[in-house]
Amino acid sequence: MLVVLLSLQVRIIPPAKDSYLVAEPVYISWKVINDEPEEVEIEAIPANWQVVMRGEMWKEDGAPVREKGTISVWKCHPCKSRIISLAPGETLSYNHIQLVGIFGWGHGGLNEFPALPEGRYCYTIYYYRTENGEIAEKVYSDTFCFRVYLPPGEREALEAYKEVYLTSRSLSMLAKHLHYLLKTYPQSFYCVKGLKKFVSYMVVAGLWIKEEERKSPEADTLMSFLLEKIPSWKGEKRKLGIKAYIYCRAVQGWEPEKILLSLKNAGVRKEEIEEIFVSEGYFKKAIKIMEETIQEKTKERE
């Protein structure tokens, strides 16, 4: 049910689904609408003067859920003061903002696993409408309800993924736990999440990894495993496996042509790599080098 107070409305746009696995991010979109002929003012939370989503969450039995994280809407509506003015008929739209996960509910810090426990939850967004700089009323959106669940057989895989997540500040430990997850639970949903975490770590922290850790046996063992398994993987898992291999080998100091030739020998097509790294000139250049090298060797044989 949509709650409308005076001339301001807040509407949640329901996601495509309402059931999520434990640790699966939940994203929502919403609109703030002024459908009256007069200007309306709302209060923005002063987090770098960006609008931040306020809301309330509760369990199916009515028990409130404490917000652990800060749910921020970056680059949506920067403003110079705490007051945002909506012109008559104006609508502010916020799309695909993470409600549950590392930036939202269920997250409590670097050393805590970002997930809500199994159960049913409901959530509502609210804004404060202001008059002359003072809060006049609290305006609620409609309610979005969703379920967090864990299918049979995934509990052990979830525990393995937790180890991946919580050791993601050490390449050797991260590689060790990801290898265990991929090898022990190859069909699990959490394999993709583990690969995403590894790729993220390589992108963000790769340049700061100590030299001795870059060439750790655990990392090399994981790379050998990926090279063996990538040919049989499909979809997102295959793409992430290729990314994980390329990023890690690059951090380890491998030349681009060596990385790409090893993937080619494992059955990965050049076109796949181009599609994955379409905007990254580093690997485009490497592909060109690889092609020139192959052409030169072909001429030598002739």
Protein backbone atom coordinates (compact mmCIF):
# COMPACT_ATOMS: atom_id res chain seq x y z
CA MET A 1 0.00 0.00 0.00
CA LEU A 2 1.37 3.42 -1.01
CA VAL A 3 1.34 6.04 1.74
CA VAL A 4 1.00 9.58 0.42
CA LEU A 5 1.37 12.60 2.68
CA LEU A 6 0.43 15.97 1.20
CA SER A 7 2.12 16.53 -2.17
CA LEU A 8 5.10 14.16 -1.94
CA GLN A 9 5.13 10.50 -2.94
CA VAL A 10 7.85 7.88 -2.61
CA ARG A 11 7.35 4.79 -4.74
CA ILE A 12 9.44 1.62 -4.75
CA ILE A 13 9.78 -0.05 -8.15
CA PRO A 14 9.57 -3.78 -7.36
CA PRO A 15 12.60 -5.87 -8.45
CA ALA A 16 12.12 -8.73 -10.89
CA LYS A 17 12.17 -11.25 -8.04
CA ASP A 18 11.40 -11.40 -4.33
CA SER A 19 13.51 -14.40 -3.24
CA TYR A 20 17.27 -14.24 -2.72
CA LEU A 21 19.99 -16.63 -1.59
CA VAL A 22 21.89 -15.81 1.59
CA ALA A 23 24.62 -13.26 0.70
CA GLU A 24 23.02 -12.48 -2.65
CA PRO A 25 22.76 -8.68 -3.09
CA VAL A 26 19.28 -7.15 -3.21
CA TYR A 27 18.88 -4.08 -5.40
CA ILE A 28 15.90 -1.75 -5.53
CA SER A 29 14.86 1.34 -7.47
CA TRP A 30 12.50 4.08 -6.38
CA LYS A 31 11.10 7.46 -7.28
CA VAL A 32 10.40 10.60 -5.28
CA ILE A 33 7.51 12.42 -6.93
CA ASN A 34 6.07 15.89 -6.49
CA ASP A 35 2.72 15.66 -8.23
CA GLU A 36 1.32 18.95 -6.98
CA PRO A 37 1.42 22.42 -8.60
CA GLU A 38 3.70 23.80 -5.86
CA GLU A 39 7.37 23.31 -5.07
CA VAL A 40 8.20 20.71 -2.37
CA GLU A 41 11.36 20.51 -0.23
CA ILE A 42 12.92 17.35 1.21
CA GLU A 43 15.86 16.90 3.53
CA ALA A 44 19.07 15.29 2.24
CA ILE A 45 21.39 13.48 4.64
CA PRO A 46 24.77 15.31 4.65
CA ALA A 47 27.03 12.52 3.38
CA ASN A 48 29.21 14.50 0.99
CA TRP A 49 25.98 16.33 0.23
CA GLN A 50 24.54 13.36 -1.57
CA VAL A 51 21.07 11.99 -1.03
CA VAL A 52 21.22 8.88 1.13
CA MET A 53 18.42 6.34 1.28
CA ARG A 54 16.71 6.20 4.63
CA GLY A 55 14.53 3.28 5.46
CA GLU A 56 13.16 0.80 7.96
CA MET A 57 13.35 -2.98 7.78
CA TRP A 58 11.57 -5.59 9.84
CA LYS A 59 11.19 -9.36 9.95
CA GLU A 60 8.00 -11.21 9.14
CA ASP A 61 7.10 -11.32 12.85
CA GLY A 62 7.42 -7.54 13.09
CA ALA A 63 10.77 -7.48 14.87
CA PRO A 64 12.87 -4.55 13.59
CA VAL A 65 16.17 -5.20 11.81
CA ARG A 66 18.99 -2.91 12.82
CA GLU A 67 20.78 -1.18 9.96
CA LYS A 68 24.46 -2.10 10.11
CA GLY A 69 25.73 -0.41 6.98
CA THR A 70 25.34 2.98 5.38
CA ILE A 71 23.16 2.85 2.30
CA SER A 72 24.46 5.64 0.11
CA VAL A 73 23.20 6.84 -3.22
CA TRP A 74 26.31 8.15 -4.92
CA LYS A 75 26.22 10.40 -7.99
CA CYS A 76 22.45 10.59 -7.95
CA HIS A 77 21.54 14.07 -6.82
CA PRO A 78 24.40 16.18 -5.50
CA CYS A 79 23.22 19.27 -3.68
CA LYS A 80 24.82 22.28 -2.01
CA SER A 81 22.65 22.23 1.09
CA ARG A 82 20.65 19.77 3.16
CA ILE A 83 17.47 20.82 1.36
CA ILE A 84 16.47 19.55 -2.09
CA SER A 85 13.69 21.38 -3.90
CA LEU A 86 11.39 19.48 -6.24
CA ALA A 87 9.63 21.61 -8.81
CA PRO A 88 5.96 20.98 -9.60
CA GLY A 89 5.71 17.66 -11.42
CA GLU A 90 9.39 16.86 -10.87
CA THR A 91 10.48 13.25 -10.24
CA LEU A 92 13.79 12.04 -8.81
CA SER A 93 14.65 8.50 -9.89
CA TYR A 94 17.16 6.23 -8.16
CA ASN A 95 17.95 3.03 -10.00
CA HIS A 96 19.53 -0.26 -8.92
CA ILE A 97 20.73 0.77 -5.46
CA GLN A 98 22.01 -2.01 -3.19
CA LEU A 99 19.63 -2.59 -0.31
CA VAL A 100 21.22 -5.73 1.16
CA GLY A 101 24.94 -6.44 0.94
CA ILE A 102 28.24 -4.70 1.44
CA PHE A 103 26.71 -1.22 1.15
CA GLY A 104 23.47 -1.93 2.97
CA TRP A 105 21.67 -4.03 5.52
CA GLY A 106 23.53 -7.09 6.69
CA HIS A 107 26.98 -5.51 6.60
CA GLY A 108 28.80 -4.49 9.73
CA GLY A 109 32.39 -3.85 8.70
CA LEU A 110 35.44 -5.35 7.01
CA ASN A 111 35.57 -8.34 9.34
CA GLU A 112 31.90 -9.24 9.16
CA PHE A 113 30.16 -11.30 6.49
CA PRO A 114 27.60 -9.10 4.64
CA ALA A 115 24.45 -11.19 4.72
CA LEU A 116 21.02 -11.30 6.28
CA PRO A 117 20.04 -14.63 7.87
CA GLU A 118 17.35 -16.79 6.30
CA GLY A 119 13.85 -15.40 6.72
CA ARG A 120 11.25 -13.01 5.32
CA TYR A 121 11.86 -9.26 5.47
CA CYS A 122 9.97 -6.09 4.62
CA TYR A 123 11.41 -2.70 3.85
CA THR A 124 10.13 0.84 3.37
CA ILE A 125 11.93 4.02 2.33
CA TYR A 126 11.18 7.37 3.93
CA TYR A 127 12.03 11.01 3.40
CA TYR A 128 11.52 14.09 5.53
CA ARG A 129 9.52 16.87 3.91
CA THR A 130 10.59 20.27 5.14
CA GLU A 131 9.08 23.73 5.41
CA ASN A 132 11.29 26.81 5.94
CA GLY A 133 14.22 24.52 6.73
CA GLU A 134 12.37 22.62 9.45
CA ILE A 135 11.09 19.03 9.30
CA ALA A 136 7.37 19.06 8.62
CA GLU A 137 6.58 15.38 8.17
CA LYS A 138 7.94 11.91 7.47
CA VAL A 139 6.87 10.49 4.11
CA TYR A 140 6.95 6.70 3.66
CA SER A 141 7.05 4.67 0.47
CA ASP A 142 5.08 1.52 -0.18
CA THR A 143 6.51 -1.71 1.31
CA PHE A 144 8.82 -4.14 -0.45
CA CYS A 145 8.86 -7.68 1.03
CA PHE A 146 11.37 -10.36 0.13
CA ARG A 147 12.66 -13.76 1.25
CA VAL A 148 16.24 -14.79 2.04
CA TYR A 149 16.75 -18.55 1.80
CA LEU A 150 19.38 -21.26 1.46
CA PRO A 151 18.65 -24.27 -0.79
CA PRO A 152 19.49 -27.82 0.34
CA GLY A 153 23.14 -28.62 -0.18
CA GLU A 154 24.36 -25.01 -0.18
CA ARG A 155 25.04 -24.59 3.54
CA GLU A 156 28.55 -26.05 3.39
CA ALA A 157 29.31 -24.08 0.22
CA LEU A 158 28.16 -20.90 1.96
CA GLU A 159 30.56 -21.57 4.83
CA ALA A 160 33.37 -22.07 2.30
CA TYR A 161 32.46 -18.80 0.59
CA LYS A 162 32.54 -17.00 3.95
CA GLU A 163 36.18 -18.05 4.28
CA VAL A 164 36.86 -16.58 0.83
CA TYR A 165 35.20 -13.32 1.78
CA LEU A 166 36.80 -12.94 5.19
CA THR A 167 40.35 -13.72 3.98
CA SER A 168 40.23 -11.38 0.98
CA ARG A 169 43.09 -9.23 2.26
CA SER A 170 45.72 -11.93 1.71
CA LEU A 171 46.36 -13.36 -1.76
CA SER A 172 47.69 -16.68 -0.49
CA MET A 173 44.76 -17.27 1.88
CA LEU A 174 42.21 -15.99 -0.62
CA ALA A 175 43.58 -18.28 -3.34
CA LYS A 176 43.64 -21.24 -0.95
CA HIS A 177 40.00 -20.81 0.14
CA LEU A 178 38.73 -20.05 -3.37
CA HIS A 179 40.45 -23.17 -4.71
CA TYR A 180 38.76 -25.22 -1.99
CA LEU A 181 35.34 -23.71 -2.78
CA LEU A 182 35.64 -24.26 -6.54
CA LYS A 183 37.01 -27.79 -6.19
CA THR A 184 34.70 -29.04 -3.42
CA TYR A 185 31.42 -27.40 -4.49
CA PRO A 186 31.74 -26.97 -8.28
CA GLN A 187 27.99 -26.57 -8.88
CA SER A 188 27.36 -24.08 -6.11
CA PHE A 189 25.97 -20.58 -6.63
CA TYR A 190 28.74 -19.37 -4.33
CA CYS A 191 31.48 -20.30 -6.83
CA VAL A 192 30.53 -17.30 -8.94
CA LYS A 193 30.50 -15.06 -5.86
CA GLY A 194 33.92 -16.36 -4.84
CA LEU A 195 35.35 -15.64 -8.29
CA LYS A 196 33.85 -12.13 -8.21
CA LYS A 197 35.53 -11.52 -4.86
CA PHE A 198 38.88 -12.71 -6.22
CA VAL A 199 38.63 -10.51 -9.32
CA SER A 200 37.66 -7.52 -7.17
CA TYR A 201 40.66 -8.13 -4.91
CA MET A 202 43.02 -8.31 -7.88
CA VAL A 203 41.69 -5.05 -9.34
CA VAL A 204 41.66 -3.08 -6.09
CA ALA A 205 44.67 -4.48 -4.22
CA GLY A 206 46.80 -6.08 -6.93
CA LEU A 207 49.46 -3.36 -7.08
CA TRP A 208 49.93 -3.42 -3.30
CA ILE A 209 50.46 -7.15 -2.90
CA LYS A 210 53.95 -7.90 -1.64
CA GLU A 211 56.34 -9.49 -4.09
CA GLU A 212 56.79 -12.70 -2.08
CA GLU A 213 53.03 -13.17 -1.79
CA ARG A 214 52.37 -12.61 -5.51
CA LYS A 215 54.20 -15.83 -6.33
CA SER A 216 52.79 -17.85 -3.47
CA PRO A 217 52.25 -21.58 -4.12
CA GLU A 218 48.55 -21.15 -3.25
CA ALA A 219 48.11 -18.60 -6.04
CA ASP A 220 49.94 -20.81 -8.55
CA THR A 221 47.84 -23.82 -7.53
CA LEU A 222 44.64 -21.82 -8.09
CA MET A 223 45.88 -20.58 -11.50
CA SER A 224 46.65 -24.14 -12.62
CA PHE A 225 43.20 -25.23 -11.46
CA LEU A 226 41.51 -22.38 -13.36
CA LEU A 227 43.41 -23.17 -16.54
CA GLU A 228 42.26 -26.79 -16.25
CA LYS A 229 38.60 -26.00 -15.50
CA ILE A 230 37.81 -22.88 -17.55
CA PRO A 231 37.33 -24.86 -20.82
CA SER A 232 34.41 -26.77 -19.25
CA TRP A 233 32.79 -23.74 -17.55
CA LYS A 234 30.03 -21.71 -19.17
CA GLY A 235 28.40 -18.32 -18.82
CA GLU A 236 29.35 -15.93 -16.03
CA LYS A 237 31.50 -18.50 -14.27
CA ARG A 238 33.66 -18.94 -17.38
CA LYS A 239 34.06 -15.17 -17.89
CA LEU A 240 35.01 -14.64 -14.26
CA GLY A 241 37.45 -17.54 -14.41
CA ILE A 242 39.18 -15.96 -17.41
CA LYS A 243 39.28 -12.58 -15.67
CA ALA A 244 40.65 -14.09 -12.47
CA TYR A 245 43.40 -15.89 -14.39
CA ILE A 246 44.44 -12.84 -16.42
CA TYR A 247 44.44 -10.41 -13.49
CA CYS A 248 46.35 -12.72 -11.18
CA ARG A 249 48.98 -13.64 -13.76
CA ALA A 250 49.39 -9.94 -14.61
CA VAL A 251 49.92 -9.14 -10.92
CA GLN A 252 52.47 -11.95 -10.80
CA GLY A 253 54.43 -10.21 -13.54
CA TRP A 254 53.58 -12.36 -16.56
CA GLU A 255 53.84 -10.65 -19.94
CA PRO A 256 50.47 -10.15 -21.70
CA GLU A 257 51.34 -12.41 -24.62
CA LYS A 258 52.34 -15.22 -22.24
CA ILE A 259 49.02 -14.93 -20.39
CA LEU A 260 47.00 -14.99 -23.58
CA LEU A 261 48.96 -17.83 -25.16
CA SER A 262 48.42 -19.98 -22.06
CA LEU A 263 44.67 -19.33 -22.27
CA LYS A 264 44.66 -20.05 -26.00
CA ASN A 265 46.41 -23.36 -25.40
CA ALA A 266 43.68 -24.19 -22.88
CA GLY A 267 41.01 -23.63 -25.51
CA VAL A 268 39.98 -20.05 -24.78
CA ARG A 269 39.28 -18.12 -27.98
CA LYS A 270 40.80 -14.70 -28.61
CA GLU A 271 37.31 -13.32 -29.29
CA GLU A 272 36.19 -14.26 -25.78
CA ILE A 273 38.99 -12.28 -24.23
CA GLU A 274 38.30 -9.30 -26.49
CA GLU A 275 34.65 -9.37 -25.45
CA ILE A 276 35.50 -9.49 -21.74
CA PHE A 277 38.20 -6.81 -21.89
CA VAL A 278 36.75 -4.73 -24.70
CA SER A 279 37.63 -1.42 -23.02
CA GLU A 280 41.07 -2.40 -21.74
CA GLY A 281 43.83 -1.34 -24.14
CA TYR A 282 46.41 -3.38 -22.22
CA PHE A 283 44.92 -6.65 -23.36
CA LYS A 284 44.04 -5.40 -26.83
CA LYS A 285 47.73 -4.65 -27.28
CA ALA A 286 48.57 -8.09 -25.88
CA ILE A 287 46.22 -9.75 -28.37
CA LYS A 288 47.92 -7.86 -31.21
CA ILE A 289 51.33 -9.00 -29.95
CA MET A 290 50.06 -12.56 -29.72
CA GLU A 291 48.77 -12.45 -33.32
CA GLU A 292 52.05 -10.99 -34.62
CA THR A 293 54.03 -13.65 -32.75
CA ILE A 294 51.93 -16.45 -34.21
CA GLN A 295 52.27 -14.97 -37.70
CA GLU A 296 56.05 -14.75 -37.36
CA LYS A 297 56.31 -18.36 -36.17
CA THR A 298 54.09 -19.48 -39.04
CA LYS A 299 56.37 -17.72 -41.55
CA GLU A 300 59.43 -19.36 -39.96
CA ARG A 301 57.90 -22.81 -40.41
CA GLU A 302 57.14 -22.05 -44.06
